[in-house]
Amino acid sequence: MTNAALAAFDAAIAIAKSPEAAFKALQDLAQATVGAKLFTIMTVDMTAEVARRAYTSDPANYPASGTKPINYGPWFDIVHKQRRYFVANTIEDIAEVFFDHELINQLGCQSVVNMPIILGNELVATMNILDVEGYYTPERVQMVRDVLSIPAKLALLVAEG
């Protein structure tokens, strides 16, 4: 399954001419390999201290939108400063770091992996995948590392044109 999913990503990213197409190719790869009920990409501008949801798999409930200020706190320390994946497998753990935890829960998502996307030694975005409670086991998180890290960088480069 992983090889077929990677081949499909390769074909889709090769013809992607827009951020939407590049991120949709990454979303499809994430859903085919690791699984994700909700998939988003947040870009980061540390100079302006803002983040922007550049892509979402659920524009009706979780739209791509304007910028919002960077929220400094435990999540920021893990993902931005330490450049580690943030993993939470309960809505209670999500609620500790995300103000929109009620909406996340309403969408049927109680677990999350936030993967930092680093280019040129700068954190430029995060890939965020969400699913049901307890979904992101250590094995699935390792699959995110092994299968999605390089494609995420490529998708971001294509999206930036």
C-alpha atoms as a PDB file:
ATOM      1  CA  MET A   1       0.000   0.000   0.000  1.00  0.00           C
ATOM      2  CA  THR A   2       2.781   2.461   0.868  1.00  0.00           C
ATOM      3  CA  ASN A   3       4.538   1.991  -2.483  1.00  0.00           C
ATOM      4  CA  ALA A   4       1.301   2.554  -4.419  1.00  0.00           C
ATOM      5  CA  ALA A   5       0.492   5.607  -2.310  1.00  0.00           C
ATOM      6  CA  LEU A   6       3.969   7.038  -2.855  1.00  0.00           C
ATOM      7  CA  ALA A   7       3.672   6.399  -6.602  1.00  0.00           C
ATOM      8  CA  ALA A   8       0.321   8.220  -6.644  1.00  0.00           C
ATOM      9  CA  PHE A   9       1.869  11.130  -4.713  1.00  0.00           C
ATOM     10  CA  ASP A  10       4.807  11.224  -7.136  1.00  0.00           C
ATOM     11  CA  ALA A  11       2.441  11.406 -10.116  1.00  0.00           C
ATOM     12  CA  ALA A  12       0.255  14.074  -8.499  1.00  0.00           C
ATOM     13  CA  ILE A  13       3.106  16.293  -7.279  1.00  0.00           C
ATOM     14  CA  ALA A  14       4.780  16.096 -10.709  1.00  0.00           C
ATOM     15  CA  ILE A  15       1.808  17.859 -12.312  1.00  0.00           C
ATOM     16  CA  ALA A  16       0.811  20.121  -9.392  1.00  0.00           C
ATOM     17  CA  LYS A  17       0.746  23.767 -10.427  1.00  0.00           C
ATOM     18  CA  SER A  18      -0.896  25.303  -7.387  1.00  0.00           C
ATOM     19  CA  PRO A  19      -0.605  25.169  -3.613  1.00  0.00           C
ATOM     20  CA  GLU A  20      -4.022  23.458  -3.508  1.00  0.00           C
ATOM     21  CA  ALA A  21      -2.868  20.670  -5.853  1.00  0.00           C
ATOM     22  CA  ALA A  22       0.435  20.174  -4.014  1.00  0.00           C
ATOM     23  CA  PHE A  23      -1.224  19.989  -0.593  1.00  0.00           C
ATOM     24  CA  LYS A  24      -4.031  17.763  -1.899  1.00  0.00           C
ATOM     25  CA  ALA A  25      -1.376  15.313  -3.130  1.00  0.00           C
ATOM     26  CA  LEU A  26       0.160  15.320   0.359  1.00  0.00           C
ATOM     27  CA  GLN A  27      -3.256  14.919   1.983  1.00  0.00           C
ATOM     28  CA  ASP A  28      -4.018  11.913  -0.210  1.00  0.00           C
ATOM     29  CA  LEU A  29      -0.674  10.349   0.719  1.00  0.00           C
ATOM     30  CA  ALA A  30      -1.286  10.944   4.435  1.00  0.00           C
ATOM     31  CA  GLN A  31      -4.761   9.459   4.271  1.00  0.00           C
ATOM     32  CA  ALA A  32      -3.625   6.438   2.249  1.00  0.00           C
ATOM     33  CA  THR A  33      -0.670   5.592   4.493  1.00  0.00           C
ATOM     34  CA  VAL A  34      -1.198   6.842   8.044  1.00  0.00           C
ATOM     35  CA  GLY A  35      -4.817   7.978   8.027  1.00  0.00           C
ATOM     36  CA  ALA A  36      -6.342  11.360   8.830  1.00  0.00           C
ATOM     37  CA  LYS A  37      -9.944  12.488   9.253  1.00  0.00           C
ATOM     38  CA  LEU A  38      -8.757  16.111   9.139  1.00  0.00           C
ATOM     39  CA  PHE A  39      -5.635  17.342   7.363  1.00  0.00           C
ATOM     40  CA  THR A  40      -4.269  20.889   7.430  1.00  0.00           C
ATOM     41  CA  ILE A  41      -1.120  22.801   6.580  1.00  0.00           C
ATOM     42  CA  MET A  42      -0.216  25.855   8.645  1.00  0.00           C
ATOM     43  CA  THR A  43       2.491  28.132   7.276  1.00  0.00           C
ATOM     44  CA  VAL A  44       4.571  30.176   9.675  1.00  0.00           C
ATOM     45  CA  ASP A  45       6.151  33.604   9.331  1.00  0.00           C
ATOM     46  CA  MET A  46       8.333  33.982  12.405  1.00  0.00           C
ATOM     47  CA  THR A  47       9.500  37.464  11.379  1.00  0.00           C
ATOM     48  CA  ALA A  48       5.898  38.726  11.423  1.00  0.00           C
ATOM     49  CA  GLU A  49       5.001  36.251  14.214  1.00  0.00           C
ATOM     50  CA  VAL A  50       1.931  34.964  12.371  1.00  0.00           C
ATOM     51  CA  ALA A  51       0.623  31.604  11.204  1.00  0.00           C
ATOM     52  CA  ARG A  52      -1.812  30.946   8.371  1.00  0.00           C
ATOM     53  CA  ARG A  53      -3.898  27.874   7.557  1.00  0.00           C
ATOM     54  CA  ALA A  54      -2.749  27.438   3.966  1.00  0.00           C
ATOM     55  CA  TYR A  55      -4.721  24.233   3.297  1.00  0.00           C
ATOM     56  CA  THR A  56      -7.528  22.243   4.847  1.00  0.00           C
ATOM     57  CA  SER A  57      -9.304  19.026   3.969  1.00  0.00           C
ATOM     58  CA  ASP A  58     -12.511  20.437   5.518  1.00  0.00           C
ATOM     59  CA  PRO A  59     -13.054  23.983   4.236  1.00  0.00           C
ATOM     60  CA  ALA A  60     -16.659  24.077   5.460  1.00  0.00           C
ATOM     61  CA  ASN A  61     -15.835  23.457   9.127  1.00  0.00           C
ATOM     62  CA  TYR A  62     -12.149  24.322   9.287  1.00  0.00           C
ATOM     63  CA  PRO A  63     -11.468  26.855   6.535  1.00  0.00           C
ATOM     64  CA  ALA A  64      -8.171  28.156   5.276  1.00  0.00           C
ATOM     65  CA  SER A  65      -8.151  31.698   6.568  1.00  0.00           C
ATOM     66  CA  GLY A  66      -6.173  34.827   7.219  1.00  0.00           C
ATOM     67  CA  THR A  67      -3.280  35.041   9.601  1.00  0.00           C
ATOM     68  CA  LYS A  68      -3.325  34.632  13.363  1.00  0.00           C
ATOM     69  CA  PRO A  69      -0.672  35.554  15.924  1.00  0.00           C
ATOM     70  CA  ILE A  70       1.814  32.877  16.948  1.00  0.00           C
ATOM     71  CA  ASN A  71       0.701  31.359  20.257  1.00  0.00           C
ATOM     72  CA  TYR A  72       3.750  30.971  22.484  1.00  0.00           C
ATOM     73  CA  GLY A  73       3.401  28.134  24.987  1.00  0.00           C
ATOM     74  CA  PRO A  74       4.129  24.417  25.490  1.00  0.00           C
ATOM     75  CA  TRP A  75       3.066  23.465  21.948  1.00  0.00           C
ATOM     76  CA  PHE A  76       5.274  26.198  20.464  1.00  0.00           C
ATOM     77  CA  ASP A  77       8.212  24.988  22.532  1.00  0.00           C
ATOM     78  CA  ILE A  78       7.818  21.402  21.273  1.00  0.00           C
ATOM     79  CA  VAL A  79       7.117  22.088  17.598  1.00  0.00           C
ATOM     80  CA  HIS A  80       8.935  25.365  16.937  1.00  0.00           C
ATOM     81  CA  LYS A  81      11.829  25.501  19.390  1.00  0.00           C
ATOM     82  CA  GLN A  82      12.601  21.777  19.718  1.00  0.00           C
ATOM     83  CA  ARG A  83      11.356  20.911  16.203  1.00  0.00           C
ATOM     84  CA  ARG A  84       9.716  17.750  17.507  1.00  0.00           C
ATOM     85  CA  TYR A  85       6.391  16.237  16.570  1.00  0.00           C
ATOM     86  CA  PHE A  86       3.512  17.103  18.883  1.00  0.00           C
ATOM     87  CA  VAL A  87       1.308  14.068  19.486  1.00  0.00           C
ATOM     88  CA  ALA A  88      -1.891  13.998  21.554  1.00  0.00           C
ATOM     89  CA  ASN A  89      -4.276  11.055  21.648  1.00  0.00           C
ATOM     90  CA  THR A  90      -7.146  12.423  23.740  1.00  0.00           C
ATOM     91  CA  ILE A  91      -9.333  15.508  23.448  1.00  0.00           C
ATOM     92  CA  GLU A  92      -8.224  16.445  26.966  1.00  0.00           C
ATOM     93  CA  ASP A  93      -4.591  16.579  25.833  1.00  0.00           C
ATOM     94  CA  ILE A  94      -5.598  18.553  22.742  1.00  0.00           C
ATOM     95  CA  ALA A  95      -7.586  20.997  24.913  1.00  0.00           C
ATOM     96  CA  GLU A  96      -4.433  21.820  26.873  1.00  0.00           C
ATOM     97  CA  VAL A  97      -2.820  23.421  23.806  1.00  0.00           C
ATOM     98  CA  PHE A  98      -5.533  24.263  21.236  1.00  0.00           C
ATOM     99  CA  PHE A  99      -8.223  26.871  21.879  1.00  0.00           C
ATOM    100  CA  ASP A 100     -10.460  25.316  19.204  1.00  0.00           C
ATOM    101  CA  HIS A 101     -10.564  21.894  20.881  1.00  0.00           C
ATOM    102  CA  GLU A 102     -14.382  21.920  21.002  1.00  0.00           C
ATOM    103  CA  LEU A 103     -14.620  22.233  17.211  1.00  0.00           C
ATOM    104  CA  ILE A 104     -11.924  19.588  16.801  1.00  0.00           C
ATOM    105  CA  ASN A 105     -13.951  17.242  18.998  1.00  0.00           C
ATOM    106  CA  GLN A 106     -17.185  18.011  17.104  1.00  0.00           C
ATOM    107  CA  LEU A 107     -15.426  16.968  13.897  1.00  0.00           C
ATOM    108  CA  GLY A 108     -14.825  13.535  15.420  1.00  0.00           C
ATOM    109  CA  CYS A 109     -11.147  14.140  16.079  1.00  0.00           C
ATOM    110  CA  GLN A 110      -9.575  13.441  19.445  1.00  0.00           C
ATOM    111  CA  SER A 111      -5.987  12.761  18.408  1.00  0.00           C
ATOM    112  CA  VAL A 112      -3.424  14.796  16.496  1.00  0.00           C
ATOM    113  CA  VAL A 113       0.086  14.768  15.081  1.00  0.00           C
ATOM    114  CA  ASN A 114       1.657  18.142  14.274  1.00  0.00           C
ATOM    115  CA  MET A 115       4.759  17.651  12.147  1.00  0.00           C
ATOM    116  CA  PRO A 116       7.186  20.564  11.747  1.00  0.00           C
ATOM    117  CA  ILE A 117       8.257  21.199   8.154  1.00  0.00           C
ATOM    118  CA  ILE A 118      11.807  22.552   8.128  1.00  0.00           C
ATOM    119  CA  LEU A 119      13.455  24.076   5.053  1.00  0.00           C
ATOM    120  CA  GLY A 120      16.759  25.936   5.027  1.00  0.00           C
ATOM    121  CA  ASN A 121      17.036  25.312   8.777  1.00  0.00           C
ATOM    122  CA  GLU A 122      13.824  27.299   9.336  1.00  0.00           C
ATOM    123  CA  LEU A 123      10.468  25.991  10.489  1.00  0.00           C
ATOM    124  CA  VAL A 124       8.217  27.185   7.667  1.00  0.00           C
ATOM    125  CA  ALA A 125       5.038  25.176   8.255  1.00  0.00           C
ATOM    126  CA  THR A 126       3.377  22.340  10.108  1.00  0.00           C
ATOM    127  CA  MET A 127       1.464  19.409   8.695  1.00  0.00           C
ATOM    128  CA  ASN A 128      -1.410  18.575  11.003  1.00  0.00           C
ATOM    129  CA  ILE A 129      -3.284  15.288  10.884  1.00  0.00           C
ATOM    130  CA  LEU A 130      -6.185  14.485  13.184  1.00  0.00           C
ATOM    131  CA  ASP A 131      -8.261  11.366  13.767  1.00  0.00           C
ATOM    132  CA  VAL A 132     -10.223   9.463  16.435  1.00  0.00           C
ATOM    133  CA  GLU A 133      -9.056   9.062  20.029  1.00  0.00           C
ATOM    134  CA  GLY A 134      -5.930   6.968  20.454  1.00  0.00           C
ATOM    135  CA  TYR A 135      -5.329   6.733  16.710  1.00  0.00           C
ATOM    136  CA  TYR A 136      -1.745   7.994  16.515  1.00  0.00           C
ATOM    137  CA  THR A 137       0.095   5.059  18.056  1.00  0.00           C
ATOM    138  CA  PRO A 138       3.906   5.073  18.176  1.00  0.00           C
ATOM    139  CA  GLU A 139       3.878   2.916  15.016  1.00  0.00           C
ATOM    140  CA  ARG A 140       1.710   5.416  13.133  1.00  0.00           C
ATOM    141  CA  VAL A 141       3.815   8.344  14.322  1.00  0.00           C
ATOM    142  CA  GLN A 142       6.909   6.519  13.047  1.00  0.00           C
ATOM    143  CA  MET A 143       5.152   6.051   9.709  1.00  0.00           C
ATOM    144  CA  VAL A 144       4.550   9.817   9.597  1.00  0.00           C
ATOM    145  CA  ARG A 145       8.298  10.305  10.080  1.00  0.00           C
ATOM    146  CA  ASP A 146       9.300   7.631   7.571  1.00  0.00           C
ATOM    147  CA  VAL A 147       6.746   8.279   4.823  1.00  0.00           C
ATOM    148  CA  LEU A 148       5.485  11.870   5.050  1.00  0.00           C
ATOM    149  CA  SER A 149       8.430  14.047   6.071  1.00  0.00           C
ATOM    150  CA  ILE A 150      10.140  14.333   2.674  1.00  0.00           C
ATOM    151  CA  PRO A 151       6.884  14.553   0.665  1.00  0.00           C
ATOM    152  CA  ALA A 152       5.729  17.357   3.000  1.00  0.00           C
ATOM    153  CA  LYS A 153       8.861  19.355   2.209  1.00  0.00           C
ATOM    154  CA  LEU A 154       8.374  18.756  -1.508  1.00  0.00           C
ATOM    155  CA  ALA A 155       4.705  19.759  -1.372  1.00  0.00           C
ATOM    156  CA  LEU A 156       5.603  22.972   0.429  1.00  0.00           C
ATOM    157  CA  LEU A 157       8.298  23.804  -2.136  1.00  0.00           C
ATOM    158  CA  VAL A 158       5.847  23.201  -4.989  1.00  0.00           C
ATOM    159  CA  ALA A 159       3.199  25.297  -3.224  1.00  0.00           C
ATOM    160  CA  GLU A 160       5.634  28.179  -2.836  1.00  0.00           C
ATOM    161  CA  GLY A 161       6.324  28.003  -6.574  1.00  0.00           C
END
